[in-house]
Amino acid sequence: MTLERLIGAAADIGLTVVVMVVRYLYRSGETLDRERLRAAVGRILPGQEEDVLSIAAQEIMAEAHVAAKTETLLRQLNRRFGSVPDAVRRKVSAATVGELDQWLDGIVDSRTLEDLFAESKH
């Protein structure tokens, strides 16, 4: 399927899907010519290419920010408390930015993993 057909099919569903496709394409390969992508979006959604690319870039940066916080917390948990149980890894991986920030701050004062996560129970 050509790039234009892919973006066109996404556009038939909605702008949110176009952004998802662009996000995927940005992340999928270094060989993708970003100007070609911009031009293809512009042909399918004239005048909206900057908005689509900007939204996709912001979402990618937000995802990277959460991934970095998650990795940092897991590294700090391992360093402070030793091996991190799978259940805790899953909880951390599914956490919101607010929860990650709370746990990153709380790790300094918590004596155990249980203490750290007990403070944030809903």
PDB file of N, CA and C in Angstrom:
ATOM      1  N   MET A   1       0.863  -1.177   0.000  1.00  0.00           N
ATOM      2  CA  MET A   1       0.000   0.000   0.000  1.00  0.00           C
ATOM      3  C   MET A   1       0.906   1.236   0.000  1.00  0.00           C
ATOM      4  N   THR A   2       0.565   2.194  -0.826  1.00  0.00           N
ATOM      5  CA  THR A   2       1.388   3.394  -0.865  1.00  0.00           C
ATOM      6  C   THR A   2       1.121   4.260   0.351  1.00  0.00           C
ATOM      7  N   LEU A   3       2.037   5.162   0.616  1.00  0.00           N
ATOM      8  CA  LEU A   3       1.910   6.069   1.748  1.00  0.00           C
ATOM      9  C   LEU A   3       0.622   6.887   1.654  1.00  0.00           C
ATOM     10  N   GLU A   4       0.330   7.401   0.459  1.00  0.00           N
ATOM     11  CA  GLU A   4      -0.876   8.213   0.278  1.00  0.00           C
ATOM     12  C   GLU A   4      -2.144   7.397   0.505  1.00  0.00           C
ATOM     13  N   ARG A   5      -2.149   6.153   0.048  1.00  0.00           N
ATOM     14  CA  ARG A   5      -3.335   5.304   0.258  1.00  0.00           C
ATOM     15  C   ARG A   5      -3.524   5.006   1.738  1.00  0.00           C
ATOM     16  N   LEU A   6      -2.418   4.759   2.446  1.00  0.00           N
ATOM     17  CA  LEU A   6      -2.490   4.492   3.880  1.00  0.00           C
ATOM     18  C   LEU A   6      -3.051   5.704   4.628  1.00  0.00           C
ATOM     19  N   ILE A   7      -2.529   6.866   4.344  1.00  0.00           N
ATOM     20  CA  ILE A   7      -3.002   8.089   5.010  1.00  0.00           C
ATOM     21  C   ILE A   7      -4.436   8.397   4.598  1.00  0.00           C
ATOM     22  N   GLY A   8      -4.754   8.155   3.342  1.00  0.00           N
ATOM     23  CA  GLY A   8      -6.122   8.361   2.873  1.00  0.00           C
ATOM     24  C   GLY A   8      -7.114   7.457   3.584  1.00  0.00           C
ATOM     25  N   ALA A   9      -6.741   6.191   3.751  1.00  0.00           N
ATOM     26  CA  ALA A   9      -7.614   5.255   4.465  1.00  0.00           C
ATOM     27  C   ALA A   9      -7.788   5.689   5.918  1.00  0.00           C
ATOM     28  N   ALA A  10      -6.714   6.167   6.525  1.00  0.00           N
ATOM     29  CA  ALA A  10      -6.798   6.661   7.903  1.00  0.00           C
ATOM     30  C   ALA A  10      -7.691   7.898   7.971  1.00  0.00           C
ATOM     31  N   ALA A  11      -7.564   8.777   6.995  1.00  0.00           N
ATOM     32  CA  ALA A  11      -8.363  10.008   6.973  1.00  0.00           C
ATOM     33  C   ALA A  11      -9.852   9.702   6.837  1.00  0.00           C
ATOM     34  N   ASP A  12     -10.176   8.617   6.127  1.00  0.00           N
ATOM     35  CA  ASP A  12     -11.585   8.224   6.001  1.00  0.00           C
ATOM     36  C   ASP A  12     -12.190   7.889   7.360  1.00  0.00           C
ATOM     37  N   ILE A  13     -11.351   7.426   8.291  1.00  0.00           N
ATOM     38  CA  ILE A  13     -11.822   7.078   9.631  1.00  0.00           C
ATOM     39  C   ILE A  13     -11.860   8.311  10.524  1.00  0.00           C
ATOM     40  N   GLY A  14     -10.826   9.143  10.426  1.00  0.00           N
ATOM     41  CA  GLY A  14     -10.807  10.362  11.236  1.00  0.00           C
ATOM     42  C   GLY A  14      -9.396  10.873  11.467  1.00  0.00           C
ATOM     43  N   LEU A  15      -9.320  12.122  11.890  1.00  0.00           N
ATOM     44  CA  LEU A  15      -8.038  12.774  12.110  1.00  0.00           C
ATOM     45  C   LEU A  15      -7.212  12.079  13.185  1.00  0.00           C
ATOM     46  N   THR A  16      -7.867  11.565  14.208  1.00  0.00           N
ATOM     47  CA  THR A  16      -7.161  10.860  15.273  1.00  0.00           C
ATOM     48  C   THR A  16      -6.407   9.657  14.719  1.00  0.00           C
ATOM     49  N   VAL A  17      -7.007   8.959  13.782  1.00  0.00           N
ATOM     50  CA  VAL A  17      -6.372   7.792  13.178  1.00  0.00           C
ATOM     51  C   VAL A  17      -5.199   8.227  12.296  1.00  0.00           C
ATOM     52  N   VAL A  18      -5.339   9.350  11.604  1.00  0.00           N
ATOM     53  CA  VAL A  18      -4.222   9.872  10.808  1.00  0.00           C
ATOM     54  C   VAL A  18      -3.029  10.157  11.723  1.00  0.00           C
ATOM     55  N   VAL A  19      -3.287  10.791  12.852  1.00  0.00           N
ATOM     56  CA  VAL A  19      -2.212  11.085  13.806  1.00  0.00           C
ATOM     57  C   VAL A  19      -1.578   9.786  14.294  1.00  0.00           C
ATOM     58  N   MET A  20      -2.385   8.774  14.575  1.00  0.00           N
ATOM     59  CA  MET A  20      -1.853   7.485  15.021  1.00  0.00           C
ATOM     60  C   MET A  20      -0.949   6.869  13.948  1.00  0.00           C
ATOM     61  N   VAL A  21      -1.376   6.935  12.708  1.00  0.00           N
ATOM     62  CA  VAL A  21      -0.582   6.378  11.600  1.00  0.00           C
ATOM     63  C   VAL A  21       0.723   7.151  11.453  1.00  0.00           C
ATOM     64  N   VAL A  22       0.653   8.467  11.517  1.00  0.00           N
ATOM     65  CA  VAL A  22       1.860   9.287  11.400  1.00  0.00           C
ATOM     66  C   VAL A  22       2.814   8.982  12.558  1.00  0.00           C
ATOM     67  N   ARG A  23       2.267   8.866  13.758  1.00  0.00           N
ATOM     68  CA  ARG A  23       3.089   8.509  14.921  1.00  0.00           C
ATOM     69  C   ARG A  23       3.789   7.169  14.689  1.00  0.00           C
ATOM     70  N   TYR A  24       3.047   6.204  14.215  1.00  0.00           N
ATOM     71  CA  TYR A  24       3.616   4.898  13.922  1.00  0.00           C
ATOM     72  C   TYR A  24       4.723   5.014  12.873  1.00  0.00           C
ATOM     73  N   LEU A  25       4.463   5.753  11.817  1.00  0.00           N
ATOM     74  CA  LEU A  25       5.450   5.893  10.751  1.00  0.00           C
ATOM     75  C   LEU A  25       6.704   6.609  11.235  1.00  0.00           C
ATOM     76  N   TYR A  26       6.529   7.622  12.078  1.00  0.00           N
ATOM     77  CA  TYR A  26       7.687   8.314  12.648  1.00  0.00           C
ATOM     78  C   TYR A  26       8.574   7.340  13.415  1.00  0.00           C
ATOM     79  N   ARG A  27       7.947   6.485  14.204  1.00  0.00           N
ATOM     80  CA  ARG A  27       8.689   5.573  15.070  1.00  0.00           C
ATOM     81  C   ARG A  27       9.210   4.340  14.347  1.00  0.00           C
ATOM     82  N   SER A  28       8.602   3.998  13.216  1.00  0.00           N
ATOM     83  CA  SER A  28       8.894   2.706  12.593  1.00  0.00           C
ATOM     84  C   SER A  28      10.199   2.633  11.837  1.00  0.00           C
ATOM     85  N   GLY A  29      10.702   3.752  11.382  1.00  0.00           N
ATOM     86  CA  GLY A  29      11.930   3.618  10.612  1.00  0.00           C
ATOM     87  C   GLY A  29      12.642   4.915  10.351  1.00  0.00           C
ATOM     88  N   GLU A  30      13.946   4.796  10.375  1.00  0.00           N
ATOM     89  CA  GLU A  30      14.777   5.951  10.089  1.00  0.00           C
ATOM     90  C   GLU A  30      14.807   6.258   8.601  1.00  0.00           C
ATOM     91  N   THR A  31      14.415   5.288   7.786  1.00  0.00           N
ATOM     92  CA  THR A  31      14.485   5.476   6.341  1.00  0.00           C
ATOM     93  C   THR A  31      13.320   6.301   5.798  1.00  0.00           C
ATOM     94  N   LEU A  32      12.292   6.512   6.610  1.00  0.00           N
ATOM     95  CA  LEU A  32      11.150   7.291   6.159  1.00  0.00           C
ATOM     96  C   LEU A  32      11.562   8.740   5.967  1.00  0.00           C
ATOM     97  N   ASP A  33      11.327   9.253   4.794  1.00  0.00           N
ATOM     98  CA  ASP A  33      11.625  10.647   4.493  1.00  0.00           C
ATOM     99  C   ASP A  33      10.503  11.506   5.080  1.00  0.00           C
ATOM    100  N   ARG A  34      10.853  12.286   6.088  1.00  0.00           N
ATOM    101  CA  ARG A  34       9.841  13.102   6.788  1.00  0.00           C
ATOM    102  C   ARG A  34       9.179  14.110   5.856  1.00  0.00           C
ATOM    103  N   GLU A  35       9.910  14.634   4.894  1.00  0.00           N
ATOM    104  CA  GLU A  35       9.313  15.585   3.941  1.00  0.00           C
ATOM    105  C   GLU A  35       8.312  14.880   3.030  1.00  0.00           C
ATOM    106  N   ARG A  36       8.617  13.645   2.689  1.00  0.00           N
ATOM    107  CA  ARG A  36       7.667  12.863   1.887  1.00  0.00           C
ATOM    108  C   ARG A  36       6.390  12.621   2.683  1.00  0.00           C
ATOM    109  N   LEU A  37       6.537  12.328   3.967  1.00  0.00           N
ATOM    110  CA  LEU A  37       5.378  12.131   4.833  1.00  0.00           C
ATOM    111  C   LEU A  37       4.566  13.411   4.937  1.00  0.00           C
ATOM    112  N   ARG A  38       5.243  14.545   5.154  1.00  0.00           N
ATOM    113  CA  ARG A  38       4.558  15.843   5.236  1.00  0.00           C
ATOM    114  C   ARG A  38       3.788  16.123   3.944  1.00  0.00           C
ATOM    115  N   ALA A  39       4.427  15.851   2.813  1.00  0.00           N
ATOM    116  CA  ALA A  39       3.776  16.093   1.521  1.00  0.00           C
ATOM    117  C   ALA A  39       2.567  15.184   1.332  1.00  0.00           C
ATOM    118  N   ALA A  40       2.696  13.923   1.722  1.00  0.00           N
ATOM    119  CA  ALA A  40       1.579  12.985   1.582  1.00  0.00           C
ATOM    120  C   ALA A  40       0.397  13.407   2.446  1.00  0.00           C
ATOM    121  N   VAL A  41       0.670  13.804   3.692  1.00  0.00           N
ATOM    122  CA  VAL A  41      -0.406  14.288   4.566  1.00  0.00           C
ATOM    123  C   VAL A  41      -1.034  15.536   3.955  1.00  0.00           C
ATOM    124  N   GLY A  42      -0.213  16.418   3.407  1.00  0.00           N
ATOM    125  CA  GLY A  42      -0.717  17.639   2.780  1.00  0.00           C
ATOM    126  C   GLY A  42      -1.609  17.371   1.579  1.00  0.00           C
ATOM    127  N   ARG A  43      -1.296  16.326   0.812  1.00  0.00           N
ATOM    128  CA  ARG A  43      -2.151  15.988  -0.338  1.00  0.00           C
ATOM    129  C   ARG A  43      -3.498  15.431   0.122  1.00  0.00           C
ATOM    130  N   ILE A  44      -3.492  14.680   1.215  1.00  0.00           N
ATOM    131  CA  ILE A  44      -4.734  14.069   1.710  1.00  0.00           C
ATOM    132  C   ILE A  44      -5.541  15.061   2.548  1.00  0.00           C
ATOM    133  N   LEU A  45      -4.842  15.847   3.365  1.00  0.00           N
ATOM    134  CA  LEU A  45      -5.494  16.813   4.264  1.00  0.00           C
ATOM    135  C   LEU A  45      -4.851  18.195   4.057  1.00  0.00           C
ATOM    136  N   PRO A  46      -5.151  18.828   2.951  1.00  0.00           N
ATOM    137  CA  PRO A  46      -4.503  20.108   2.644  1.00  0.00           C
ATOM    138  C   PRO A  46      -4.673  21.122   3.781  1.00  0.00           C
ATOM    139  N   GLY A  47      -3.550  21.742   4.150  1.00  0.00           N
ATOM    140  CA  GLY A  47      -3.567  22.765   5.185  1.00  0.00           C
ATOM    141  C   GLY A  47      -3.518  22.226   6.605  1.00  0.00           C
ATOM    142  N   GLN A  48      -3.607  20.916   6.771  1.00  0.00           N
ATOM    143  CA  GLN A  48      -3.603  20.326   8.106  1.00  0.00           C
ATOM    144  C   GLN A  48      -2.319  19.561   8.422  1.00  0.00           C
ATOM    145  N   GLU A  49      -1.394  19.513   7.456  1.00  0.00           N
ATOM    146  CA  GLU A  49      -0.206  18.689   7.648  1.00  0.00           C
ATOM    147  C   GLU A  49       0.639  19.131   8.841  1.00  0.00           C
ATOM    148  N   GLU A  50       0.764  20.443   9.050  1.00  0.00           N
ATOM    149  CA  GLU A  50       1.554  20.918  10.189  1.00  0.00           C
ATOM    150  C   GLU A  50       0.911  20.516  11.511  1.00  0.00           C
ATOM    151  N   ASP A  51      -0.404  20.638  11.586  1.00  0.00           N
ATOM    152  CA  ASP A  51      -1.109  20.246  12.811  1.00  0.00           C
ATOM    153  C   ASP A  51      -0.956  18.750  13.081  1.00  0.00           C
ATOM    154  N   VAL A  52      -1.143  17.937  12.057  1.00  0.00           N
ATOM    155  CA  VAL A  52      -1.038  16.484  12.215  1.00  0.00           C
ATOM    156  C   VAL A  52       0.366  16.105  12.667  1.00  0.00           C
ATOM    157  N   LEU A  53       1.376  16.638  11.996  1.00  0.00           N
ATOM    158  CA  LEU A  53       2.757  16.295  12.342  1.00  0.00           C
ATOM    159  C   LEU A  53       3.121  16.816  13.730  1.00  0.00           C
ATOM    160  N   SER A  54       2.630  17.982  14.076  1.00  0.00           N
ATOM    161  CA  SER A  54       2.911  18.554  15.392  1.00  0.00           C
ATOM    162  C   SER A  54       2.277  17.727  16.509  1.00  0.00           C
ATOM    163  N   ILE A  55       1.026  17.348  16.326  1.00  0.00           N
ATOM    164  CA  ILE A  55       0.334  16.523  17.328  1.00  0.00           C
ATOM    165  C   ILE A  55       1.051  15.183  17.475  1.00  0.00           C
ATOM    166  N   ALA A  56       1.421  14.565  16.361  1.00  0.00           N
ATOM    167  CA  ALA A  56       2.124  13.281  16.414  1.00  0.00           C
ATOM    168  C   ALA A  56       3.449  13.424  17.159  1.00  0.00           C
ATOM    169  N   ALA A  57       4.183  14.480  16.871  1.00  0.00           N
ATOM    170  CA  ALA A  57       5.474  14.704  17.543  1.00  0.00           C
ATOM    171  C   ALA A  57       5.287  14.930  19.039  1.00  0.00           C
ATOM    172  N   GLN A  58       4.268  15.690  19.417  1.00  0.00           N
ATOM    173  CA  GLN A  58       4.003  15.932  20.842  1.00  0.00           C
ATOM    174  C   GLN A  58       3.650  14.631  21.556  1.00  0.00           C
ATOM    175  N   GLU A  59       2.858  13.793  20.924  1.00  0.00           N
ATOM    176  CA  GLU A  59       2.479  12.523  21.526  1.00  0.00           C
ATOM    177  C   GLU A  59       3.684  11.600  21.675  1.00  0.00           C
ATOM    178  N   ILE A  60       4.563  11.596  20.679  1.00  0.00           N
ATOM    179  CA  ILE A  60       5.779  10.778  20.759  1.00  0.00           C
ATOM    180  C   ILE A  60       6.654  11.256  21.907  1.00  0.00           C
ATOM    181  N   MET A  61       6.798  12.574  22.052  1.00  0.00           N
ATOM    182  CA  MET A  61       7.616  13.118  23.141  1.00  0.00           C
ATOM    183  C   MET A  61       7.002  12.793  24.496  1.00  0.00           C
ATOM    184  N   ALA A  62       5.681  12.863  24.606  1.00  0.00           N
ATOM    185  CA  ALA A  62       5.011  12.536  25.870  1.00  0.00           C
ATOM    186  C   ALA A  62       5.217  11.061  26.222  1.00  0.00           C
ATOM    187  N   GLU A  63       5.110  10.194  25.231  1.00  0.00           N
ATOM    188  CA  GLU A  63       5.341   8.765  25.469  1.00  0.00           C
ATOM    189  C   GLU A  63       6.782   8.509  25.899  1.00  0.00           C
ATOM    190  N   ALA A  64       7.721   9.201  25.273  1.00  0.00           N
ATOM    191  CA  ALA A  64       9.131   9.042  25.635  1.00  0.00           C
ATOM    192  C   ALA A  64       9.388   9.532  27.057  1.00  0.00           C
ATOM    193  N   HIS A  65       8.706  10.597  27.444  1.00  0.00           N
ATOM    194  CA  HIS A  65       8.847  11.141  28.795  1.00  0.00           C
ATOM    195  C   HIS A  65       8.363  10.123  29.834  1.00  0.00           C
ATOM    196  N   VAL A  66       7.218   9.513  29.580  1.00  0.00           N
ATOM    197  CA  VAL A  66       6.677   8.497  30.495  1.00  0.00           C
ATOM    198  C   VAL A  66       7.610   7.284  30.526  1.00  0.00           C
ATOM    199  N   ALA A  67       8.100   6.871  29.369  1.00  0.00           N
ATOM    200  CA  ALA A  67       9.010   5.726  29.320  1.00  0.00           C
ATOM    201  C   ALA A  67      10.284   6.000  30.116  1.00  0.00           C
ATOM    202  N   ALA A  68      10.803   7.215  30.026  1.00  0.00           N
ATOM    203  CA  ALA A  68      12.016   7.573  30.767  1.00  0.00           C
ATOM    204  C   ALA A  68      11.763   7.560  32.272  1.00  0.00           C
ATOM    205  N   LYS A  69      10.616   8.090  32.696  1.00  0.00           N
ATOM    206  CA  LYS A  69      10.278   8.069  34.128  1.00  0.00           C
ATOM    207  C   LYS A  69      10.105   6.636  34.622  1.00  0.00           C
ATOM    208  N   THR A  70       9.459   5.811  33.818  1.00  0.00           N
ATOM    209  CA  THR A  70       9.254   4.408  34.180  1.00  0.00           C
ATOM    210  C   THR A  70      10.594   3.701  34.336  1.00  0.00           C
ATOM    211  N   GLU A  71      11.472   3.878  33.375  1.00  0.00           N
ATOM    212  CA  GLU A  71      12.786   3.246  33.439  1.00  0.00           C
ATOM    213  C   GLU A  71      13.578   3.748  34.649  1.00  0.00           C
ATOM    214  N   THR A  72      13.517   5.044  34.900  1.00  0.00           N
ATOM    215  CA  THR A  72      14.231   5.615  36.043  1.00  0.00           C
ATOM    216  C   THR A  72      13.713   5.033  37.354  1.00  0.00           C
ATOM    217  N   LEU A  73      12.403   4.977  37.504  1.00  0.00           N
ATOM    218  CA  LEU A  73      11.836   4.433  38.738  1.00  0.00           C
ATOM    219  C   LEU A  73      12.229   2.972  38.924  1.00  0.00           C
ATOM    220  N   LEU A  74      12.130   2.170  37.880  1.00  0.00           N
ATOM    221  CA  LEU A  74      12.485   0.762  38.008  1.00  0.00           C
ATOM    222  C   LEU A  74      13.964   0.587  38.359  1.00  0.00           C
ATOM    223  N   ARG A  75      14.817   1.397  37.784  1.00  0.00           N
ATOM    224  CA  ARG A  75      16.237   1.339  38.126  1.00  0.00           C
ATOM    225  C   ARG A  75      16.467   1.726  39.587  1.00  0.00           C
ATOM    226  N   GLN A  76      15.787   2.774  40.026  1.00  0.00           N
ATOM    227  CA  GLN A  76      15.944   3.221  41.410  1.00  0.00           C
ATOM    228  C   GLN A  76      15.379   2.199  42.394  1.00  0.00           C
ATOM    229  N   LEU A  77      14.250   1.593  42.061  1.00  0.00           N
ATOM    230  CA  LEU A  77      13.675   0.547  42.915  1.00  0.00           C
ATOM    231  C   LEU A  77      14.647  -0.622  43.049  1.00  0.00           C
ATOM    232  N   ASN A  78      15.215  -1.027  41.940  1.00  0.00           N
ATOM    233  CA  ASN A  78      16.172  -2.133  41.953  1.00  0.00           C
ATOM    234  C   ASN A  78      17.405  -1.782  42.788  1.00  0.00           C
ATOM    235  N   ARG A  79      17.871  -0.584  42.649  1.00  0.00           N
ATOM    236  CA  ARG A  79      19.057  -0.155  43.398  1.00  0.00           C
ATOM    237  C   ARG A  79      18.766  -0.046  44.898  1.00  0.00           C
ATOM    238  N   ARG A  80      17.589   0.454  45.224  1.00  0.00           N
ATOM    239  CA  ARG A  80      17.241   0.696  46.636  1.00  0.00           C
ATOM    240  C   ARG A  80      16.772  -0.564  47.360  1.00  0.00           C
ATOM    241  N   PHE A  81      15.946  -1.365  46.662  1.00  0.00           N
ATOM    242  CA  PHE A  81      15.302  -2.493  47.342  1.00  0.00           C
ATOM    243  C   PHE A  81      15.719  -3.868  46.806  1.00  0.00           C
ATOM    244  N   GLY A  82      16.559  -3.913  45.816  1.00  0.00           N
ATOM    245  CA  GLY A  82      16.938  -5.191  45.215  1.00  0.00           C
ATOM    246  C   GLY A  82      15.989  -5.580  44.101  1.00  0.00           C
ATOM    247  N   SER A  83      15.970  -6.831  43.777  1.00  0.00           N
ATOM    248  CA  SER A  83      15.160  -7.337  42.675  1.00  0.00           C
ATOM    249  C   SER A  83      13.696  -6.886  42.806  1.00  0.00           C
ATOM    250  N   VAL A  84      13.160  -6.373  41.721  1.00  0.00           N
ATOM    251  CA  VAL A  84      11.792  -5.843  41.716  1.00  0.00           C
ATOM    252  C   VAL A  84      10.837  -6.935  41.221  1.00  0.00           C
ATOM    253  N   PRO A  85       9.832  -7.298  42.028  1.00  0.00           N
ATOM    254  CA  PRO A  85       8.872  -8.331  41.614  1.00  0.00           C
ATOM    255  C   PRO A  85       8.122  -7.938  40.337  1.00  0.00           C
ATOM    256  N   ASP A  86       7.727  -8.949  39.572  1.00  0.00           N
ATOM    257  CA  ASP A  86       7.002  -8.717  38.320  1.00  0.00           C
ATOM    258  C   ASP A  86       5.731  -7.906  38.534  1.00  0.00           C
ATOM    259  N   ALA A  87       5.027  -8.156  39.631  1.00  0.00           N
ATOM    260  CA  ALA A  87       3.783  -7.423  39.901  1.00  0.00           C
ATOM    261  C   ALA A  87       4.061  -5.921  40.046  1.00  0.00           C
ATOM    262  N   VAL A  88       5.166  -5.580  40.680  1.00  0.00           N
ATOM    263  CA  VAL A  88       5.538  -4.169  40.828  1.00  0.00           C
ATOM    264  C   VAL A  88       5.944  -3.593  39.474  1.00  0.00           C
ATOM    265  N   ARG A  89       6.677  -4.370  38.698  1.00  0.00           N
ATOM    266  CA  ARG A  89       7.065  -3.906  37.353  1.00  0.00           C
ATOM    267  C   ARG A  89       5.825  -3.605  36.510  1.00  0.00           C
ATOM    268  N   ARG A  90       4.837  -4.486  36.580  1.00  0.00           N
ATOM    269  CA  ARG A  90       3.595  -4.267  35.824  1.00  0.00           C
ATOM    270  C   ARG A  90       2.868  -3.018  36.312  1.00  0.00           C
ATOM    271  N   LYS A  91       2.825  -2.836  37.633  1.00  0.00           N
ATOM    272  CA  LYS A  91       2.156  -1.670  38.204  1.00  0.00           C
ATOM    273  C   LYS A  91       2.843  -0.386  37.745  1.00  0.00           C
ATOM    274  N   VAL A  92       4.153  -0.372  37.788  1.00  0.00           N
ATOM    275  CA  VAL A  92       4.919   0.801  37.373  1.00  0.00           C
ATOM    276  C   VAL A  92       4.723   1.060  35.877  1.00  0.00           C
ATOM    277  N   SER A  93       4.748  -0.001  35.081  1.00  0.00           N
ATOM    278  CA  SER A  93       4.599   0.145  33.627  1.00  0.00           C
ATOM    279  C   SER A  93       3.222   0.663  33.231  1.00  0.00           C
ATOM    280  N   ALA A  94       2.223   0.418  34.050  1.00  0.00           N
ATOM    281  CA  ALA A  94       0.855   0.859  33.749  1.00  0.00           C
ATOM    282  C   ALA A  94       0.500   2.187  34.426  1.00  0.00           C
ATOM    283  N   ALA A  95       1.448   2.778  35.133  1.00  0.00           N
ATOM    284  CA  ALA A  95       1.168   3.968  35.956  1.00  0.00           C
ATOM    285  C   ALA A  95       0.993   5.229  35.122  1.00  0.00           C
ATOM    286  N   THR A  96       0.291   6.176  35.729  1.00  0.00           N
ATOM    287  CA  THR A  96       0.162   7.514  35.143  1.00  0.00           C
ATOM    288  C   THR A  96       1.413   8.325  35.483  1.00  0.00           C
ATOM    289  N   VAL A  97       1.576   9.452  34.812  1.00  0.00           N
ATOM    290  CA  VAL A  97       2.707  10.340  35.109  1.00  0.00           C
ATOM    291  C   VAL A  97       2.651  10.795  36.567  1.00  0.00           C
ATOM    292  N   GLY A  98       1.461  11.099  37.061  1.00  0.00           N
ATOM    293  CA  GLY A  98       1.301  11.527  38.450  1.00  0.00           C
ATOM    294  C   GLY A  98       1.751  10.463  39.440  1.00  0.00           C
ATOM    295  N   GLU A  99       1.377   9.225  39.166  1.00  0.00           N
ATOM    296  CA  GLU A  99       1.805   8.129  40.038  1.00  0.00           C
ATOM    297  C   GLU A  99       3.316   7.946  39.985  1.00  0.00           C
ATOM    298  N   LEU A 100       3.871   7.989  38.781  1.00  0.00           N
ATOM    299  CA  LEU A 100       5.322   7.848  38.646  1.00  0.00           C
ATOM    300  C   LEU A 100       6.048   8.940  39.429  1.00  0.00           C
ATOM    301  N   ASP A 101       5.564  10.175  39.301  1.00  0.00           N
ATOM    302  CA  ASP A 101       6.181  11.285  40.041  1.00  0.00           C
ATOM    303  C   ASP A 101       6.073  11.068  41.551  1.00  0.00           C
ATOM    304  N   GLN A 102       4.906  10.622  41.993  1.00  0.00           N
ATOM    305  CA  GLN A 102       4.693  10.362  43.424  1.00  0.00           C
ATOM    306  C   GLN A 102       5.670   9.298  43.918  1.00  0.00           C
ATOM    307  N   TRP A 103       5.824   8.222  43.173  1.00  0.00           N
ATOM    308  CA  TRP A 103       6.718   7.140  43.584  1.00  0.00           C
ATOM    309  C   TRP A 103       8.183   7.569  43.497  1.00  0.00           C
ATOM    310  N   LEU A 104       8.521   8.343  42.459  1.00  0.00           N
ATOM    311  CA  LEU A 104       9.903   8.831  42.352  1.00  0.00           C
ATOM    312  C   LEU A 104      10.259   9.715  43.544  1.00  0.00           C
ATOM    313  N   ASP A 105       9.325  10.534  43.975  1.00  0.00           N
ATOM    314  CA  ASP A 105       9.555  11.370  45.156  1.00  0.00           C
ATOM    315  C   ASP A 105       9.576  10.520  46.431  1.00  0.00           C
ATOM    316  N   GLY A 106       8.677   9.549  46.514  1.00  0.00           N
ATOM    317  CA  GLY A 106       8.527   8.753  47.725  1.00  0.00           C
ATOM    318  C   GLY A 106       9.631   7.751  47.965  1.00  0.00           C
ATOM    319  N   ILE A 107      10.358   7.389  46.928  1.00  0.00           N
ATOM    320  CA  ILE A 107      11.397   6.376  47.093  1.00  0.00           C
ATOM    321  C   ILE A 107      12.466   6.812  48.091  1.00  0.00           C
ATOM    322  N   VAL A 108      12.654   8.102  48.247  1.00  0.00           N
ATOM    323  CA  VAL A 108      13.673   8.622  49.169  1.00  0.00           C
ATOM    324  C   VAL A 108      13.320   8.294  50.618  1.00  0.00           C
ATOM    325  N   ASP A 109      12.054   8.382  50.966  1.00  0.00           N
ATOM    326  CA  ASP A 109      11.634   8.201  52.353  1.00  0.00           C
ATOM    327  C   ASP A 109      11.100   6.806  52.680  1.00  0.00           C
ATOM    328  N   SER A 110      10.782   6.027  51.680  1.00  0.00           N
ATOM    329  CA  SER A 110      10.193   4.705  51.931  1.00  0.00           C
ATOM    330  C   SER A 110      11.253   3.703  52.363  1.00  0.00           C
ATOM    331  N   ARG A 111      10.886   2.902  53.374  1.00  0.00           N
ATOM    332  CA  ARG A 111      11.820   1.886  53.881  1.00  0.00           C
ATOM    333  C   ARG A 111      11.729   0.584  53.093  1.00  0.00           C
ATOM    334  N   THR A 112      10.542   0.328  52.517  1.00  0.00           N
ATOM    335  CA  THR A 112      10.326  -0.910  51.764  1.00  0.00           C
ATOM    336  C   THR A 112       9.498  -0.602  50.523  1.00  0.00           C
ATOM    337  N   LEU A 113       9.465  -1.570  49.613  1.00  0.00           N
ATOM    338  CA  LEU A 113       8.584  -1.447  48.443  1.00  0.00           C
ATOM    339  C   LEU A 113       7.134  -1.302  48.894  1.00  0.00           C
ATOM    340  N   GLU A 114       6.766  -2.082  49.903  1.00  0.00           N
ATOM    341  CA  GLU A 114       5.390  -2.047  50.392  1.00  0.00           C
ATOM    342  C   GLU A 114       5.032  -0.657  50.909  1.00  0.00           C
ATOM    343  N   ASP A 115       5.965  -0.022  51.638  1.00  0.00           N
ATOM    344  CA  ASP A 115       5.728   1.340  52.134  1.00  0.00           C
ATOM    345  C   ASP A 115       5.503   2.305  50.980  1.00  0.00           C
ATOM    346  N   LEU A 116       6.347   2.204  49.979  1.00  0.00           N
ATOM    347  CA  LEU A 116       6.256   3.126  48.841  1.00  0.00           C
ATOM    348  C   LEU A 116       4.906   3.022  48.153  1.00  0.00           C
ATOM    349  N   PHE A 117       4.475   1.813  47.884  1.00  0.00           N
ATOM    350  CA  PHE A 117       3.223   1.638  47.139  1.00  0.00           C
ATOM    351  C   PHE A 117       1.991   1.692  48.032  1.00  0.00           C
ATOM    352  N   ALA A 118       2.138   1.479  49.327  1.00  0.00           N
ATOM    353  CA  ALA A 118       1.002   1.583  50.248  1.00  0.00           C
ATOM    354  C   ALA A 118       0.519   3.023  50.340  1.00  0.00           C
ATOM    355  N   GLU A 119       1.432   3.978  50.249  1.00  0.00           N
ATOM    356  CA  GLU A 119       1.074   5.390  50.346  1.00  0.00           C
ATOM    357  C   GLU A 119       0.211   5.853  49.179  1.00  0.00           C
ATOM    358  N   SER A 120       0.260   5.123  48.085  1.00  0.00           N
ATOM    359  CA  SER A 120      -0.477   5.568  46.890  1.00  0.00           C
ATOM    360  C   SER A 120      -1.710   4.739  46.585  1.00  0.00           C
ATOM    361  N   LYS A 121      -2.091   3.855  47.498  1.00  0.00           N
ATOM    362  CA  LYS A 121      -3.282   3.031  47.246  1.00  0.00           C
ATOM    363  C   LYS A 121      -4.503   3.910  47.104  1.00  0.00           C
ATOM    364  N   HIS A 122      -5.343   3.531  46.161  1.00  0.00           N
ATOM    365  CA  HIS A 122      -6.556   4.322  45.873  1.00  0.00           C
ATOM    366  C   HIS A 122      -7.726   3.774  46.629  1.00  0.00           C
TER     367      HIS A 122
END
